Amino acid sequence: GNPATCLVTDQRGVARPQGSACDIGAFEYRGNGTTAAYIFSYSGSPQTVEVNQSFPSVLKALVLDQYGDTVPGKTITFTAPSSGASAIFSSSGTNISTAVTDSNGIATRSEVSANGIEGAFTIVATTSGVASSADFQITSYDTTVPKSILIVSGANQYTQTQTQFSLPLKAKVQNVL
């Protein structure tokens, strides 16, 4: 854009132009931010995983500054619960691991496995200077534990004591969600 016809501020209130020319977009792109203001779950939530197995999707957290620009080089701490249904990060062998945001402000944590306890839990990603967290909703399940019993046939029958039902009672046990 032409600096002579450029608006004084963009939609966020950021002064224009930033550099030698006015940005032609809805806001003036300032480039990579330096101070983290927000952290979001970018990818990997929600997901479901079998106990003692690797997560099907990697966890990605996005860090932005107060103007919505990405913040590279920021250390993100991913923390799973310390007890109960949880996860283990292969990079640390514990429930806590770190990753650094790339040039797009994204921190990626791969090679995460559910522990041996079934249940729903949250992995929290945090970074210094940001009060909020990025939350990853995870549900782990155990295929060796029955989840439901379904009536196949023989329901709604009545009979006298010591007398057989007219139809056999059949049920199906399922061990999947």
C-alpha atoms as a PDB file:
ATOM      1  CA  GLY A   1       0.000   0.000   0.000  1.00  0.00           C
ATOM      2  CA  ASN A   2       0.836   3.673  -0.287  1.00  0.00           C
ATOM      3  CA  PRO A   3       2.024   5.275   3.009  1.00  0.00           C
ATOM      4  CA  ALA A   4       0.474   8.601   1.912  1.00  0.00           C
ATOM      5  CA  THR A   5      -3.034   7.077   1.858  1.00  0.00           C
ATOM      6  CA  CYS A   6      -2.551   4.605   4.704  1.00  0.00           C
ATOM      7  CA  LEU A   7      -4.873   4.818   7.706  1.00  0.00           C
ATOM      8  CA  VAL A   8      -3.178   5.956  10.930  1.00  0.00           C
ATOM      9  CA  THR A   9      -4.015   2.702  12.775  1.00  0.00           C
ATOM     10  CA  ASP A  10      -5.224  -0.775  11.803  1.00  0.00           C
ATOM     11  CA  GLN A  11      -8.301  -2.573  13.216  1.00  0.00           C
ATOM     12  CA  ARG A  12      -6.388  -3.463  16.391  1.00  0.00           C
ATOM     13  CA  GLY A  13      -5.188   0.081  17.032  1.00  0.00           C
ATOM     14  CA  VAL A  14      -1.613  -0.639  15.898  1.00  0.00           C
ATOM     15  CA  ALA A  15       0.120   2.327  14.232  1.00  0.00           C
ATOM     16  CA  ARG A  16       0.512   2.175  10.455  1.00  0.00           C
ATOM     17  CA  PRO A  17       2.711   1.793   8.536  1.00  0.00           C
ATOM     18  CA  GLN A  18       5.091  -0.719  10.114  1.00  0.00           C
ATOM     19  CA  GLY A  19       8.193  -0.366   7.963  1.00  0.00           C
ATOM     20  CA  SER A  20       8.466   1.361   4.596  1.00  0.00           C
ATOM     21  CA  ALA A  21       5.002   0.558   3.193  1.00  0.00           C
ATOM     22  CA  CYS A  22       1.466   0.213   4.441  1.00  0.00           C
ATOM     23  CA  ASP A  23       0.167  -3.357   4.634  1.00  0.00           C
ATOM     24  CA  ILE A  24      -2.838  -3.887   2.349  1.00  0.00           C
ATOM     25  CA  GLY A  25      -4.485  -6.393   4.720  1.00  0.00           C
ATOM     26  CA  ALA A  26      -7.130  -5.856   7.418  1.00  0.00           C
ATOM     27  CA  PHE A  27      -4.369  -5.241   9.926  1.00  0.00           C
ATOM     28  CA  GLU A  28      -0.757  -4.169   9.803  1.00  0.00           C
ATOM     29  CA  TYR A  29       1.423  -7.278  10.131  1.00  0.00           C
ATOM     30  CA  ARG A  30       4.259  -6.503  12.477  1.00  0.00           C
ATOM     31  CA  GLY A  31       6.262  -9.690  12.056  1.00  0.00           C
ATOM     32  CA  ASN A  32       7.134 -12.051  14.863  1.00  0.00           C
ATOM     33  CA  GLY A  33       6.180 -10.922  18.323  1.00  0.00           C
ATOM     34  CA  THR A  34       8.559 -11.004  21.263  1.00  0.00           C
ATOM     35  CA  THR A  35       6.338 -10.996  24.351  1.00  0.00           C
ATOM     36  CA  ALA A  36       3.834 -13.811  24.808  1.00  0.00           C
ATOM     37  CA  ALA A  37       0.308 -12.724  25.769  1.00  0.00           C
ATOM     38  CA  TYR A  38      -1.821 -15.734  24.739  1.00  0.00           C
ATOM     39  CA  ILE A  39      -1.452 -19.491  24.444  1.00  0.00           C
ATOM     40  CA  PHE A  40      -3.921 -21.762  22.652  1.00  0.00           C
ATOM     41  CA  SER A  41      -4.392 -25.444  21.933  1.00  0.00           C
ATOM     42  CA  TYR A  42      -3.637 -25.489  18.196  1.00  0.00           C
ATOM     43  CA  SER A  43      -3.866 -29.217  17.449  1.00  0.00           C
ATOM     44  CA  GLY A  44      -4.257 -32.522  19.296  1.00  0.00           C
ATOM     45  CA  SER A  45      -7.399 -31.874  21.332  1.00  0.00           C
ATOM     46  CA  PRO A  46      -9.672 -33.608  21.915  1.00  0.00           C
ATOM     47  CA  GLN A  47      -8.385 -37.112  21.291  1.00  0.00           C
ATOM     48  CA  THR A  48      -8.990 -40.656  22.452  1.00  0.00           C
ATOM     49  CA  VAL A  49      -6.242 -43.215  23.002  1.00  0.00           C
ATOM     50  CA  GLU A  50      -5.974 -46.766  24.284  1.00  0.00           C
ATOM     51  CA  VAL A  51      -4.151 -47.122  27.631  1.00  0.00           C
ATOM     52  CA  ASN A  52      -0.406 -47.766  27.313  1.00  0.00           C
ATOM     53  CA  GLN A  53      -0.445 -46.624  23.663  1.00  0.00           C
ATOM     54  CA  SER A  54       0.949 -43.597  21.814  1.00  0.00           C
ATOM     55  CA  PHE A  55      -1.362 -40.680  21.123  1.00  0.00           C
ATOM     56  CA  PRO A  56      -2.731 -40.698  17.564  1.00  0.00           C
ATOM     57  CA  SER A  57      -2.096 -36.936  17.174  1.00  0.00           C
ATOM     58  CA  VAL A  58       0.752 -34.702  18.317  1.00  0.00           C
ATOM     59  CA  LEU A  59       0.075 -31.866  20.761  1.00  0.00           C
ATOM     60  CA  LYS A  60       0.600 -28.366  19.363  1.00  0.00           C
ATOM     61  CA  ALA A  61       0.314 -25.112  21.305  1.00  0.00           C
ATOM     62  CA  LEU A  62       0.231 -21.694  19.611  1.00  0.00           C
ATOM     63  CA  VAL A  63       1.691 -18.588  21.289  1.00  0.00           C
ATOM     64  CA  LEU A  64       0.700 -15.055  20.248  1.00  0.00           C
ATOM     65  CA  ASP A  65       1.608 -11.578  21.426  1.00  0.00           C
ATOM     66  CA  GLN A  66      -0.910  -8.866  22.377  1.00  0.00           C
ATOM     67  CA  TYR A  67      -1.366  -7.962  18.698  1.00  0.00           C
ATOM     68  CA  GLY A  68      -1.990 -11.521  17.493  1.00  0.00           C
ATOM     69  CA  ASP A  69       1.487 -12.004  16.038  1.00  0.00           C
ATOM     70  CA  THR A  70       3.250 -15.324  16.589  1.00  0.00           C
ATOM     71  CA  VAL A  71       6.015 -15.566  19.196  1.00  0.00           C
ATOM     72  CA  PRO A  72       8.953 -17.828  18.237  1.00  0.00           C
ATOM     73  CA  GLY A  73      11.558 -19.164  20.686  1.00  0.00           C
ATOM     74  CA  LYS A  74       9.206 -19.406  23.668  1.00  0.00           C
ATOM     75  CA  THR A  75       9.537 -22.443  25.984  1.00  0.00           C
ATOM     76  CA  ILE A  76       6.219 -24.216  26.563  1.00  0.00           C
ATOM     77  CA  THR A  77       5.710 -26.658  29.448  1.00  0.00           C
ATOM     78  CA  PHE A  78       3.256 -29.507  28.824  1.00  0.00           C
ATOM     79  CA  THR A  79       1.974 -31.049  32.078  1.00  0.00           C
ATOM     80  CA  ALA A  80      -0.225 -34.136  32.405  1.00  0.00           C
ATOM     81  CA  PRO A  81      -1.831 -35.114  35.745  1.00  0.00           C
ATOM     82  CA  SER A  82       0.578 -36.547  38.337  1.00  0.00           C
ATOM     83  CA  SER A  83      -1.831 -39.347  39.302  1.00  0.00           C
ATOM     84  CA  GLY A  84      -4.783 -41.258  37.880  1.00  0.00           C
ATOM     85  CA  ALA A  85      -5.417 -41.331  34.144  1.00  0.00           C
ATOM     86  CA  SER A  86      -2.510 -39.444  32.606  1.00  0.00           C
ATOM     87  CA  ALA A  87       0.256 -39.446  30.007  1.00  0.00           C
ATOM     88  CA  ILE A  88       3.993 -40.015  29.822  1.00  0.00           C
ATOM     89  CA  PHE A  89       6.213 -37.943  27.523  1.00  0.00           C
ATOM     90  CA  SER A  90       8.982 -40.042  25.992  1.00  0.00           C
ATOM     91  CA  SER A  91      11.321 -37.027  25.921  1.00  0.00           C
ATOM     92  CA  SER A  92      11.364 -36.865  29.733  1.00  0.00           C
ATOM     93  CA  GLY A  93       9.957 -40.218  30.860  1.00  0.00           C
ATOM     94  CA  THR A  94       7.593 -38.279  33.141  1.00  0.00           C
ATOM     95  CA  ASN A  95       4.270 -36.437  33.021  1.00  0.00           C
ATOM     96  CA  ILE A  96       6.046 -33.130  32.231  1.00  0.00           C
ATOM     97  CA  SER A  97       7.872 -32.084  29.064  1.00  0.00           C
ATOM     98  CA  THR A  98       8.905 -28.882  27.301  1.00  0.00           C
ATOM     99  CA  ALA A  99       9.070 -27.705  23.705  1.00  0.00           C
ATOM    100  CA  VAL A 100      10.129 -24.419  22.099  1.00  0.00           C
ATOM    101  CA  THR A 101       7.887 -22.498  19.697  1.00  0.00           C
ATOM    102  CA  ASP A 102       9.047 -22.498  16.084  1.00  0.00           C
ATOM    103  CA  SER A 103       9.081 -19.540  13.665  1.00  0.00           C
ATOM    104  CA  ASN A 104       5.259 -19.828  13.440  1.00  0.00           C
ATOM    105  CA  GLY A 105       4.813 -19.622  17.235  1.00  0.00           C
ATOM    106  CA  ILE A 106       3.911 -23.331  17.494  1.00  0.00           C
ATOM    107  CA  ALA A 107       5.381 -25.702  20.081  1.00  0.00           C
ATOM    108  CA  THR A 108       4.979 -29.382  19.186  1.00  0.00           C
ATOM    109  CA  ARG A 109       5.110 -32.273  21.626  1.00  0.00           C
ATOM    110  CA  SER A 110       5.064 -35.674  19.985  1.00  0.00           C
ATOM    111  CA  GLU A 111       5.760 -39.152  21.328  1.00  0.00           C
ATOM    112  CA  VAL A 112       3.208 -39.000  24.121  1.00  0.00           C
ATOM    113  CA  SER A 113       1.638 -42.187  25.525  1.00  0.00           C
ATOM    114  CA  ALA A 114      -1.318 -42.791  27.807  1.00  0.00           C
ATOM    115  CA  ASN A 115      -0.447 -44.466  31.092  1.00  0.00           C
ATOM    116  CA  GLY A 116      -2.179 -47.683  32.191  1.00  0.00           C
ATOM    117  CA  ILE A 117      -5.164 -46.008  33.879  1.00  0.00           C
ATOM    118  CA  GLU A 118      -8.392 -45.435  31.982  1.00  0.00           C
ATOM    119  CA  GLY A 119     -10.214 -42.092  32.149  1.00  0.00           C
ATOM    120  CA  ALA A 120     -10.549 -38.506  30.955  1.00  0.00           C
ATOM    121  CA  PHE A 121      -7.812 -35.995  31.743  1.00  0.00           C
ATOM    122  CA  THR A 122      -6.334 -32.679  30.649  1.00  0.00           C
ATOM    123  CA  ILE A 123      -2.782 -31.928  29.567  1.00  0.00           C
ATOM    124  CA  VAL A 124      -2.025 -28.274  30.296  1.00  0.00           C
ATOM    125  CA  ALA A 125       0.455 -26.209  28.258  1.00  0.00           C
ATOM    126  CA  THR A 126       1.839 -23.058  29.888  1.00  0.00           C
ATOM    127  CA  THR A 127       4.493 -20.450  29.251  1.00  0.00           C
ATOM    128  CA  SER A 128       6.000 -17.689  31.357  1.00  0.00           C
ATOM    129  CA  GLY A 129       4.238 -14.341  31.256  1.00  0.00           C
ATOM    130  CA  VAL A 130       0.845 -15.775  30.230  1.00  0.00           C
ATOM    131  CA  ALA A 131      -1.780 -16.287  32.942  1.00  0.00           C
ATOM    132  CA  SER A 132      -3.969 -18.658  30.914  1.00  0.00           C
ATOM    133  CA  SER A 133      -3.122 -22.134  29.625  1.00  0.00           C
ATOM    134  CA  ALA A 134      -3.748 -24.220  26.526  1.00  0.00           C
ATOM    135  CA  ASP A 135      -5.745 -27.290  27.553  1.00  0.00           C
ATOM    136  CA  PHE A 136      -5.690 -30.601  25.695  1.00  0.00           C
ATOM    137  CA  GLN A 137      -8.674 -32.887  26.466  1.00  0.00           C
ATOM    138  CA  ILE A 138      -7.679 -36.563  26.398  1.00  0.00           C
ATOM    139  CA  THR A 139      -9.672 -39.731  27.065  1.00  0.00           C
ATOM    140  CA  SER A 140      -7.883 -43.048  27.541  1.00  0.00           C
ATOM    141  CA  TYR A 141      -9.699 -46.378  27.432  1.00  0.00           C
ATOM    142  CA  ASP A 142      -8.905 -49.984  28.274  1.00  0.00           C
ATOM    143  CA  THR A 143     -10.128 -52.570  25.761  1.00  0.00           C
ATOM    144  CA  THR A 144      -9.736 -55.384  28.311  1.00  0.00           C
ATOM    145  CA  VAL A 145     -12.466 -53.981  30.569  1.00  0.00           C
ATOM    146  CA  PRO A 146     -16.127 -54.511  29.565  1.00  0.00           C
ATOM    147  CA  LYS A 147     -17.918 -51.244  28.769  1.00  0.00           C
ATOM    148  CA  SER A 148     -21.467 -52.484  28.273  1.00  0.00           C
ATOM    149  CA  ILE A 149     -23.758 -55.498  28.363  1.00  0.00           C
ATOM    150  CA  LEU A 150     -26.474 -55.586  25.706  1.00  0.00           C
ATOM    151  CA  ILE A 151     -29.569 -57.793  25.743  1.00  0.00           C
ATOM    152  CA  VAL A 152     -29.620 -59.912  22.591  1.00  0.00           C
ATOM    153  CA  SER A 153     -32.728 -61.992  23.253  1.00  0.00           C
ATOM    154  CA  GLY A 154     -34.986 -63.276  26.004  1.00  0.00           C
ATOM    155  CA  ALA A 155     -35.926 -59.943  27.564  1.00  0.00           C
ATOM    156  CA  ASN A 156     -39.361 -59.189  29.051  1.00  0.00           C
ATOM    157  CA  GLN A 157     -40.198 -62.804  29.950  1.00  0.00           C
ATOM    158  CA  TYR A 158     -42.013 -63.974  33.044  1.00  0.00           C
ATOM    159  CA  THR A 159     -42.235 -67.432  34.501  1.00  0.00           C
ATOM    160  CA  GLN A 160     -43.022 -69.226  37.728  1.00  0.00           C
ATOM    161  CA  THR A 161     -40.307 -70.185  40.183  1.00  0.00           C
ATOM    162  CA  GLN A 162     -38.511 -73.399  39.245  1.00  0.00           C
ATOM    163  CA  THR A 163     -39.782 -73.118  35.635  1.00  0.00           C
ATOM    164  CA  GLN A 164     -37.637 -72.474  32.548  1.00  0.00           C
ATOM    165  CA  PHE A 165     -38.086 -69.364  30.466  1.00  0.00           C
ATOM    166  CA  SER A 166     -39.561 -70.030  27.028  1.00  0.00           C
ATOM    167  CA  LEU A 167     -36.647 -68.278  25.238  1.00  0.00           C
ATOM    168  CA  PRO A 168     -32.988 -68.488  26.249  1.00  0.00           C
ATOM    169  CA  LEU A 169     -31.481 -65.369  27.840  1.00  0.00           C
ATOM    170  CA  LYS A 170     -28.650 -64.015  25.668  1.00  0.00           C
ATOM    171  CA  ALA A 171     -26.398 -61.015  26.299  1.00  0.00           C
ATOM    172  CA  LYS A 172     -23.449 -59.484  24.486  1.00  0.00           C
ATOM    173  CA  VAL A 173     -20.518 -58.020  26.440  1.00  0.00           C
ATOM    174  CA  GLN A 174     -18.664 -55.193  24.653  1.00  0.00           C
ATOM    175  CA  ASN A 175     -15.284 -53.810  25.628  1.00  0.00           C
ATOM    176  CA  VAL A 176     -15.102 -50.797  23.309  1.00  0.00           C
ATOM    177  CA  LEU A 177     -16.441 -47.290  23.672  1.00  0.00           C
END
